[in-house]
Amino acid sequence: MGRTIAIGDIHGCDRALTALLQALALKRDDLVVALGDFVDRGENSAAVLDILMGLLTKCRFVPLIGNHEIMMFQALNNRSEYAFWMQHGGTTTVMSYGGDPRNIPQDHLVFLSHCVRYHETEKYIFVHANYDPWLPMAQQPDELLFWQHILDQVPPPHESGKIVIAGHTPQADGIIRNLGHVMVIDTYCYGDQWLTAVDLDNDICWQANSRGEVRSGQIPVAAPWQDQANPS
């Protein structure tokens, strides 16, 4: 049986992603769900997408779309949205393509266009941002799935009884927030913290930073939410 692994928000941190994948030593029957926000803020979004596309033939890879991919598509399709994207991390993405968005290769855009809204297994639900606990996943609104942070208003358990694995809400201290029914694994890699992967079958986590350093251990035990200064 393969492992069930989730990877948090990457945000252009290609060195951290490379180090993390080396530590994971993926096998073809591993299910790997990447929670979106592959681009923006970090230095090399172009390289991140190349690496992720390579996973399609190395494991059972499911990439989710995040709000930063949505902003990217909106900006590329509508010039009036371009400045908004630049203000929210798009500048570094364009620089990774040589400073011109016209350099973004078609296969990168095709890959991003096939990213899914969420993923669901027998035990887990994977989302980019948040969820409505009383709605089936197919009926979840975009505002929750892609944009709303999990801060002091933590949603109750999903009606399915499944554990939700989410990104999007950056943990400024680089520590996974495990609340039992929901786990937040955006650990602020682009902010000089860590990129996180969790092996949900074995309660193991790995983290890598932009210097290529790796650490691993047990997933933190579930604890009540303690609010902190989360970056926007």
C-alpha atoms as a PDB file:
ATOM      1  CA  MET A   1       0.000   0.000   0.000  1.00  0.00           C
ATOM      2  CA  GLY A   2       1.264   3.429  -0.901  1.00  0.00           C
ATOM      3  CA  ARG A   3       1.407   6.357   1.493  1.00  0.00           C
ATOM      4  CA  THR A   4      -1.022   9.291   1.599  1.00  0.00           C
ATOM      5  CA  ILE A   5       1.059  12.468   1.583  1.00  0.00           C
ATOM      6  CA  ALA A   6       0.022  16.127   1.509  1.00  0.00           C
ATOM      7  CA  ILE A   7       2.366  19.000   0.630  1.00  0.00           C
ATOM      8  CA  GLY A   8       1.629  22.543   1.787  1.00  0.00           C
ATOM      9  CA  ASP A   9       1.919  25.851  -0.069  1.00  0.00           C
ATOM     10  CA  ILE A  10       5.171  25.984  -2.068  1.00  0.00           C
ATOM     11  CA  HIS A  11       5.112  29.602  -3.312  1.00  0.00           C
ATOM     12  CA  GLY A  12       8.044  29.392  -5.692  1.00  0.00           C
ATOM     13  CA  CYS A  13      10.440  27.786  -3.193  1.00  0.00           C
ATOM     14  CA  ASP A  14      12.115  25.354  -5.582  1.00  0.00           C
ATOM     15  CA  ARG A  15      15.112  24.499  -3.393  1.00  0.00           C
ATOM     16  CA  ALA A  16      12.863  23.570  -0.486  1.00  0.00           C
ATOM     17  CA  LEU A  17      10.656  21.476  -2.770  1.00  0.00           C
ATOM     18  CA  THR A  18      13.648  19.633  -4.228  1.00  0.00           C
ATOM     19  CA  ALA A  19      15.023  18.859  -0.763  1.00  0.00           C
ATOM     20  CA  LEU A  20      11.602  17.776   0.500  1.00  0.00           C
ATOM     21  CA  LEU A  21      11.018  15.388  -2.398  1.00  0.00           C
ATOM     22  CA  GLN A  22      14.453  13.848  -1.919  1.00  0.00           C
ATOM     23  CA  ALA A  23      13.582  13.177   1.722  1.00  0.00           C
ATOM     24  CA  LEU A  24      10.195  11.696   0.782  1.00  0.00           C
ATOM     25  CA  ALA A  25      11.711   9.178  -1.674  1.00  0.00           C
ATOM     26  CA  LEU A  26       8.364   8.779  -3.430  1.00  0.00           C
ATOM     27  CA  LYS A  27       7.184   5.504  -4.903  1.00  0.00           C
ATOM     28  CA  ARG A  28       4.729   5.023  -7.754  1.00  0.00           C
ATOM     29  CA  ASP A  29       1.863   3.900  -5.495  1.00  0.00           C
ATOM     30  CA  ASP A  30       2.164   6.892  -3.130  1.00  0.00           C
ATOM     31  CA  LEU A  31      -0.728   9.354  -3.289  1.00  0.00           C
ATOM     32  CA  VAL A  32       0.664  12.896  -3.150  1.00  0.00           C
ATOM     33  CA  VAL A  33      -1.733  15.836  -2.884  1.00  0.00           C
ATOM     34  CA  ALA A  34      -0.212  19.301  -3.271  1.00  0.00           C
ATOM     35  CA  LEU A  35      -2.512  21.921  -1.769  1.00  0.00           C
ATOM     36  CA  GLY A  36      -2.027  24.737  -4.298  1.00  0.00           C
ATOM     37  CA  ASP A  37      -0.220  28.095  -4.292  1.00  0.00           C
ATOM     38  CA  PHE A  38       2.716  26.728  -6.242  1.00  0.00           C
ATOM     39  CA  VAL A  39       3.538  30.172  -7.670  1.00  0.00           C
ATOM     40  CA  ASP A  40       4.252  33.724  -6.410  1.00  0.00           C
ATOM     41  CA  ARG A  41       6.288  35.254  -3.584  1.00  0.00           C
ATOM     42  CA  GLY A  42       9.240  32.807  -3.692  1.00  0.00           C
ATOM     43  CA  GLU A  43      12.109  33.089  -6.157  1.00  0.00           C
ATOM     44  CA  ASN A  44      11.478  30.406  -8.772  1.00  0.00           C
ATOM     45  CA  SER A  45       7.893  29.520  -9.594  1.00  0.00           C
ATOM     46  CA  ALA A  46       8.937  28.345 -13.065  1.00  0.00           C
ATOM     47  CA  ALA A  47      11.244  25.706 -11.583  1.00  0.00           C
ATOM     48  CA  VAL A  48       8.567  24.643  -9.077  1.00  0.00           C
ATOM     49  CA  LEU A  49       6.132  23.916 -11.887  1.00  0.00           C
ATOM     50  CA  ASP A  50       8.758  21.910 -13.775  1.00  0.00           C
ATOM     51  CA  ILE A  51       9.367  19.821 -10.659  1.00  0.00           C
ATOM     52  CA  LEU A  52       5.659  19.263 -10.016  1.00  0.00           C
ATOM     53  CA  MET A  53       4.987  18.253 -13.596  1.00  0.00           C
ATOM     54  CA  GLY A  54       7.697  15.616 -13.192  1.00  0.00           C
ATOM     55  CA  LEU A  55       5.713  14.067 -10.332  1.00  0.00           C
ATOM     56  CA  LEU A  56       2.939  13.079 -12.722  1.00  0.00           C
ATOM     57  CA  THR A  57       4.983  10.041 -13.777  1.00  0.00           C
ATOM     58  CA  LYS A  58       6.563   9.257 -10.387  1.00  0.00           C
ATOM     59  CA  CYS A  59       3.536   8.783  -8.105  1.00  0.00           C
ATOM     60  CA  ARG A  60      -0.214   9.261  -7.949  1.00  0.00           C
ATOM     61  CA  PHE A  61      -0.038  13.040  -7.983  1.00  0.00           C
ATOM     62  CA  VAL A  62      -3.061  15.288  -7.381  1.00  0.00           C
ATOM     63  CA  PRO A  63      -2.369  19.042  -7.595  1.00  0.00           C
ATOM     64  CA  LEU A  64      -4.993  21.424  -6.207  1.00  0.00           C
ATOM     65  CA  ILE A  65      -5.467  24.947  -7.493  1.00  0.00           C
ATOM     66  CA  GLY A  66      -4.864  27.773  -5.036  1.00  0.00           C
ATOM     67  CA  ASN A  67      -5.834  31.430  -5.000  1.00  0.00           C
ATOM     68  CA  HIS A  68      -2.445  32.446  -6.406  1.00  0.00           C
ATOM     69  CA  GLU A  69      -2.931  30.271  -9.483  1.00  0.00           C
ATOM     70  CA  ILE A  70      -6.388  31.837  -9.835  1.00  0.00           C
ATOM     71  CA  MET A  71      -4.877  35.338  -9.640  1.00  0.00           C
ATOM     72  CA  MET A  72      -2.264  34.331 -12.212  1.00  0.00           C
ATOM     73  CA  PHE A  73      -4.857  33.110 -14.704  1.00  0.00           C
ATOM     74  CA  GLN A  74      -7.030  36.172 -14.161  1.00  0.00           C
ATOM     75  CA  ALA A  75      -4.055  38.468 -14.779  1.00  0.00           C
ATOM     76  CA  LEU A  76      -2.969  36.628 -17.934  1.00  0.00           C
ATOM     77  CA  ASN A  77      -6.501  36.740 -19.322  1.00  0.00           C
ATOM     78  CA  ASN A  78      -7.411  40.272 -18.274  1.00  0.00           C
ATOM     79  CA  ARG A  79      -4.892  43.121 -18.182  1.00  0.00           C
ATOM     80  CA  SER A  80      -7.021  44.978 -15.632  1.00  0.00           C
ATOM     81  CA  GLU A  81      -6.192  42.214 -13.132  1.00  0.00           C
ATOM     82  CA  TYR A  82      -2.432  42.324 -13.768  1.00  0.00           C
ATOM     83  CA  ALA A  83      -1.557  44.991 -11.193  1.00  0.00           C
ATOM     84  CA  PHE A  84      -3.461  43.096  -8.487  1.00  0.00           C
ATOM     85  CA  TRP A  85      -1.444  39.959  -9.214  1.00  0.00           C
ATOM     86  CA  MET A  86       1.817  41.924  -9.106  1.00  0.00           C
ATOM     87  CA  GLN A  87       0.878  43.351  -5.695  1.00  0.00           C
ATOM     88  CA  HIS A  88       0.287  39.845  -4.304  1.00  0.00           C
ATOM     89  CA  GLY A  89       3.469  38.070  -5.288  1.00  0.00           C
ATOM     90  CA  GLY A  90       3.187  37.836  -9.061  1.00  0.00           C
ATOM     91  CA  THR A  91       6.319  39.920  -9.647  1.00  0.00           C
ATOM     92  CA  THR A  92       8.644  37.089  -8.631  1.00  0.00           C
ATOM     93  CA  THR A  93       6.719  34.617 -10.788  1.00  0.00           C
ATOM     94  CA  VAL A  94       7.147  36.778 -13.884  1.00  0.00           C
ATOM     95  CA  MET A  95      10.829  37.291 -13.063  1.00  0.00           C
ATOM     96  CA  SER A  96      11.288  33.515 -12.947  1.00  0.00           C
ATOM     97  CA  TYR A  97      10.200  33.501 -16.602  1.00  0.00           C
ATOM     98  CA  GLY A  98      12.715  36.142 -17.604  1.00  0.00           C
ATOM     99  CA  GLY A  99      10.565  39.149 -16.758  1.00  0.00           C
ATOM    100  CA  ASP A 100       7.912  38.606 -19.423  1.00  0.00           C
ATOM    101  CA  PRO A 101       4.675  36.660 -18.828  1.00  0.00           C
ATOM    102  CA  ARG A 102       4.648  35.784 -22.522  1.00  0.00           C
ATOM    103  CA  ASN A 103       7.567  33.456 -21.735  1.00  0.00           C
ATOM    104  CA  ILE A 104       5.370  31.174 -19.615  1.00  0.00           C
ATOM    105  CA  PRO A 105       5.367  27.902 -21.573  1.00  0.00           C
ATOM    106  CA  GLN A 106       2.100  26.393 -22.680  1.00  0.00           C
ATOM    107  CA  ASP A 107       2.705  23.147 -20.815  1.00  0.00           C
ATOM    108  CA  HIS A 108       2.894  25.068 -17.523  1.00  0.00           C
ATOM    109  CA  LEU A 109      -0.458  26.692 -18.241  1.00  0.00           C
ATOM    110  CA  VAL A 110      -1.998  23.368 -19.262  1.00  0.00           C
ATOM    111  CA  PHE A 111      -0.741  21.770 -16.049  1.00  0.00           C
ATOM    112  CA  LEU A 112      -2.237  24.541 -13.935  1.00  0.00           C
ATOM    113  CA  SER A 113      -5.523  24.408 -15.835  1.00  0.00           C
ATOM    114  CA  HIS A 114      -5.899  20.745 -14.842  1.00  0.00           C
ATOM    115  CA  CYS A 115      -5.425  21.352 -11.110  1.00  0.00           C
ATOM    116  CA  VAL A 116      -8.530  20.372  -9.151  1.00  0.00           C
ATOM    117  CA  ARG A 117     -10.686  22.245  -6.617  1.00  0.00           C
ATOM    118  CA  TYR A 118     -10.323  19.646  -3.856  1.00  0.00           C
ATOM    119  CA  HIS A 119      -9.535  15.972  -3.366  1.00  0.00           C
ATOM    120  CA  GLU A 120     -11.323  13.448  -1.201  1.00  0.00           C
ATOM    121  CA  THR A 121     -10.345   9.975  -0.004  1.00  0.00           C
ATOM    122  CA  GLU A 122     -11.991   7.515   2.360  1.00  0.00           C
ATOM    123  CA  LYS A 123     -10.496   9.262   5.404  1.00  0.00           C
ATOM    124  CA  TYR A 124      -9.412  12.730   4.301  1.00  0.00           C
ATOM    125  CA  ILE A 125     -10.508  15.870   2.486  1.00  0.00           C
ATOM    126  CA  PHE A 126      -7.791  18.054   0.943  1.00  0.00           C
ATOM    127  CA  VAL A 127      -8.537  21.735   0.301  1.00  0.00           C
ATOM    128  CA  HIS A 128      -6.453  24.780  -0.410  1.00  0.00           C
ATOM    129  CA  ALA A 129      -7.995  27.172   2.111  1.00  0.00           C
ATOM    130  CA  ASN A 130     -11.189  26.414   4.029  1.00  0.00           C
ATOM    131  CA  TYR A 131     -14.551  24.631   3.876  1.00  0.00           C
ATOM    132  CA  ASP A 132     -18.200  24.744   4.873  1.00  0.00           C
ATOM    133  CA  PRO A 133     -18.698  21.890   7.354  1.00  0.00           C
ATOM    134  CA  TRP A 134     -22.332  21.344   6.347  1.00  0.00           C
ATOM    135  CA  LEU A 135     -21.925  21.179   2.560  1.00  0.00           C
ATOM    136  CA  PRO A 136     -20.748  18.256   0.398  1.00  0.00           C
ATOM    137  CA  MET A 137     -17.430  19.043  -1.241  1.00  0.00           C
ATOM    138  CA  ALA A 138     -18.969  19.363  -4.706  1.00  0.00           C
ATOM    139  CA  GLN A 139     -21.084  22.263  -3.400  1.00  0.00           C
ATOM    140  CA  GLN A 140     -18.331  24.218  -1.620  1.00  0.00           C
ATOM    141  CA  PRO A 141     -18.188  27.929  -2.589  1.00  0.00           C
ATOM    142  CA  ASP A 142     -15.040  29.322  -4.186  1.00  0.00           C
ATOM    143  CA  GLU A 143     -14.702  31.993  -1.491  1.00  0.00           C
ATOM    144  CA  LEU A 144     -14.123  29.301   1.118  1.00  0.00           C
ATOM    145  CA  LEU A 145     -12.119  26.808  -0.931  1.00  0.00           C
ATOM    146  CA  PHE A 146      -9.599  29.343  -2.205  1.00  0.00           C
ATOM    147  CA  TRP A 147      -9.651  32.573  -0.222  1.00  0.00           C
ATOM    148  CA  GLN A 148     -10.815  32.399   3.398  1.00  0.00           C
ATOM    149  CA  HIS A 149      -8.158  31.820   6.048  1.00  0.00           C
ATOM    150  CA  ILE A 150      -8.613  29.548   9.030  1.00  0.00           C
ATOM    151  CA  LEU A 151      -7.889  31.900  11.903  1.00  0.00           C
ATOM    152  CA  ASP A 152      -9.857  32.363  15.109  1.00  0.00           C
ATOM    153  CA  GLN A 153     -13.064  31.144  13.406  1.00  0.00           C
ATOM    154  CA  VAL A 154     -12.126  27.482  13.072  1.00  0.00           C
ATOM    155  CA  PRO A 155     -14.833  25.526  11.233  1.00  0.00           C
ATOM    156  CA  PRO A 156     -16.390  22.519  12.984  1.00  0.00           C
ATOM    157  CA  PRO A 157     -15.690  19.016  11.671  1.00  0.00           C
ATOM    158  CA  HIS A 158     -16.976  18.310   8.170  1.00  0.00           C
ATOM    159  CA  GLU A 159     -20.323  16.505   8.007  1.00  0.00           C
ATOM    160  CA  SER A 160     -18.598  13.519   6.381  1.00  0.00           C
ATOM    161  CA  GLY A 161     -16.518  12.893   9.504  1.00  0.00           C
ATOM    162  CA  LYS A 162     -13.357  13.076   7.394  1.00  0.00           C
ATOM    163  CA  ILE A 163     -10.277  14.983   8.532  1.00  0.00           C
ATOM    164  CA  VAL A 164      -9.590  18.121   6.483  1.00  0.00           C
ATOM    165  CA  ILE A 165      -6.031  18.938   5.369  1.00  0.00           C
ATOM    166  CA  ALA A 166      -5.663  22.606   4.399  1.00  0.00           C
ATOM    167  CA  GLY A 167      -3.055  25.149   3.364  1.00  0.00           C
ATOM    168  CA  HIS A 168      -3.395  28.888   2.652  1.00  0.00           C
ATOM    169  CA  THR A 169      -3.213  30.170   6.248  1.00  0.00           C
ATOM    170  CA  PRO A 170       0.530  30.786   6.780  1.00  0.00           C
ATOM    171  CA  GLN A 171       1.859  29.642  10.142  1.00  0.00           C
ATOM    172  CA  ALA A 172       4.406  32.306  11.020  1.00  0.00           C
ATOM    173  CA  ASP A 173       6.279  30.005  13.404  1.00  0.00           C
ATOM    174  CA  GLY A 174       6.661  27.244  10.786  1.00  0.00           C
ATOM    175  CA  ILE A 175       4.740  24.721  12.900  1.00  0.00           C
ATOM    176  CA  ILE A 176       1.851  22.581  11.652  1.00  0.00           C
ATOM    177  CA  ARG A 177      -1.498  23.436  13.270  1.00  0.00           C
ATOM    178  CA  ASN A 178      -3.222  20.143  14.073  1.00  0.00           C
ATOM    179  CA  LEU A 179      -6.697  20.663  15.504  1.00  0.00           C
ATOM    180  CA  GLY A 180      -7.760  17.055  15.178  1.00  0.00           C
ATOM    181  CA  HIS A 181     -10.578  17.493  12.644  1.00  0.00           C
ATOM    182  CA  VAL A 182      -8.562  19.955  10.528  1.00  0.00           C
ATOM    183  CA  MET A 183      -4.818  20.294   9.973  1.00  0.00           C
ATOM    184  CA  VAL A 184      -3.203  23.439   8.493  1.00  0.00           C
ATOM    185  CA  ILE A 185       0.132  22.750   6.789  1.00  0.00           C
ATOM    186  CA  ASP A 186       1.075  26.055   5.149  1.00  0.00           C
ATOM    187  CA  THR A 187       4.196  26.670   7.211  1.00  0.00           C
ATOM    188  CA  TYR A 188       5.363  29.895   5.534  1.00  0.00           C
ATOM    189  CA  CYS A 189       8.269  28.638   3.440  1.00  0.00           C
ATOM    190  CA  TYR A 190       8.610  31.858   1.455  1.00  0.00           C
ATOM    191  CA  GLY A 191       8.830  33.781   4.755  1.00  0.00           C
ATOM    192  CA  ASP A 192      12.051  31.979   5.756  1.00  0.00           C
ATOM    193  CA  GLN A 193      10.240  29.143   7.503  1.00  0.00           C
ATOM    194  CA  TRP A 194       9.457  25.644   6.177  1.00  0.00           C
ATOM    195  CA  LEU A 195       7.760  23.731   3.381  1.00  0.00           C
ATOM    196  CA  THR A 196       5.829  20.841   4.913  1.00  0.00           C
ATOM    197  CA  ALA A 197       4.821  17.349   3.816  1.00  0.00           C
ATOM    198  CA  VAL A 198       2.730  15.051   6.016  1.00  0.00           C
ATOM    199  CA  ASP A 199       2.452  11.266   5.719  1.00  0.00           C
ATOM    200  CA  LEU A 200      -1.056  10.830   7.049  1.00  0.00           C
ATOM    201  CA  ASP A 201      -0.896   7.042   7.234  1.00  0.00           C
ATOM    202  CA  ASN A 202       2.157   7.014   9.495  1.00  0.00           C
ATOM    203  CA  ASP A 203       1.827  10.359  11.363  1.00  0.00           C
ATOM    204  CA  ILE A 204       5.193  11.543  10.048  1.00  0.00           C
ATOM    205  CA  CYS A 205       6.046  15.014   8.752  1.00  0.00           C
ATOM    206  CA  TRP A 206       9.001  16.384   6.836  1.00  0.00           C
ATOM    207  CA  GLN A 207       9.965  20.032   6.462  1.00  0.00           C
ATOM    208  CA  ALA A 208      12.513  21.703   4.202  1.00  0.00           C
ATOM    209  CA  ASN A 209      13.553  25.336   3.944  1.00  0.00           C
ATOM    210  CA  SER A 210      14.874  27.505   1.136  1.00  0.00           C
ATOM    211  CA  ARG A 211      18.458  26.678   2.097  1.00  0.00           C
ATOM    212  CA  GLY A 212      17.741  23.012   1.396  1.00  0.00           C
ATOM    213  CA  GLU A 213      17.835  21.979   5.065  1.00  0.00           C
ATOM    214  CA  VAL A 214      15.458  19.164   6.064  1.00  0.00           C
ATOM    215  CA  ARG A 215      13.974  18.087   9.363  1.00  0.00           C
ATOM    216  CA  SER A 216      11.453  15.354  10.179  1.00  0.00           C
ATOM    217  CA  GLY A 217       9.423  14.005  13.063  1.00  0.00           C
ATOM    218  CA  GLN A 218       5.958  13.073  14.232  1.00  0.00           C
ATOM    219  CA  ILE A 219       2.964  15.169  13.200  1.00  0.00           C
ATOM    220  CA  PRO A 220       2.172  17.407  16.204  1.00  0.00           C
ATOM    221  CA  VAL A 221      -0.609  16.035  18.383  1.00  0.00           C
ATOM    222  CA  ALA A 222      -3.985  17.703  18.093  1.00  0.00           C
ATOM    223  CA  ALA A 223      -4.359  20.776  20.308  1.00  0.00           C
ATOM    224  CA  PRO A 224      -6.786  23.714  20.592  1.00  0.00           C
ATOM    225  CA  TRP A 225      -6.163  26.630  18.271  1.00  0.00           C
ATOM    226  CA  GLN A 226      -3.889  29.316  19.659  1.00  0.00           C
ATOM    227  CA  ASP A 227      -4.131  32.416  17.513  1.00  0.00           C
ATOM    228  CA  GLN A 228      -0.918  33.999  16.355  1.00  0.00           C
ATOM    229  CA  ALA A 229       0.232  36.792  14.062  1.00  0.00           C
ATOM    230  CA  ASN A 230      -0.379  35.081  10.732  1.00  0.00           C
ATOM    231  CA  PRO A 231       1.065  36.799   7.659  1.00  0.00           C
ATOM    232  CA  SER A 232      -1.507  37.903   5.110  1.00  0.00           C
END
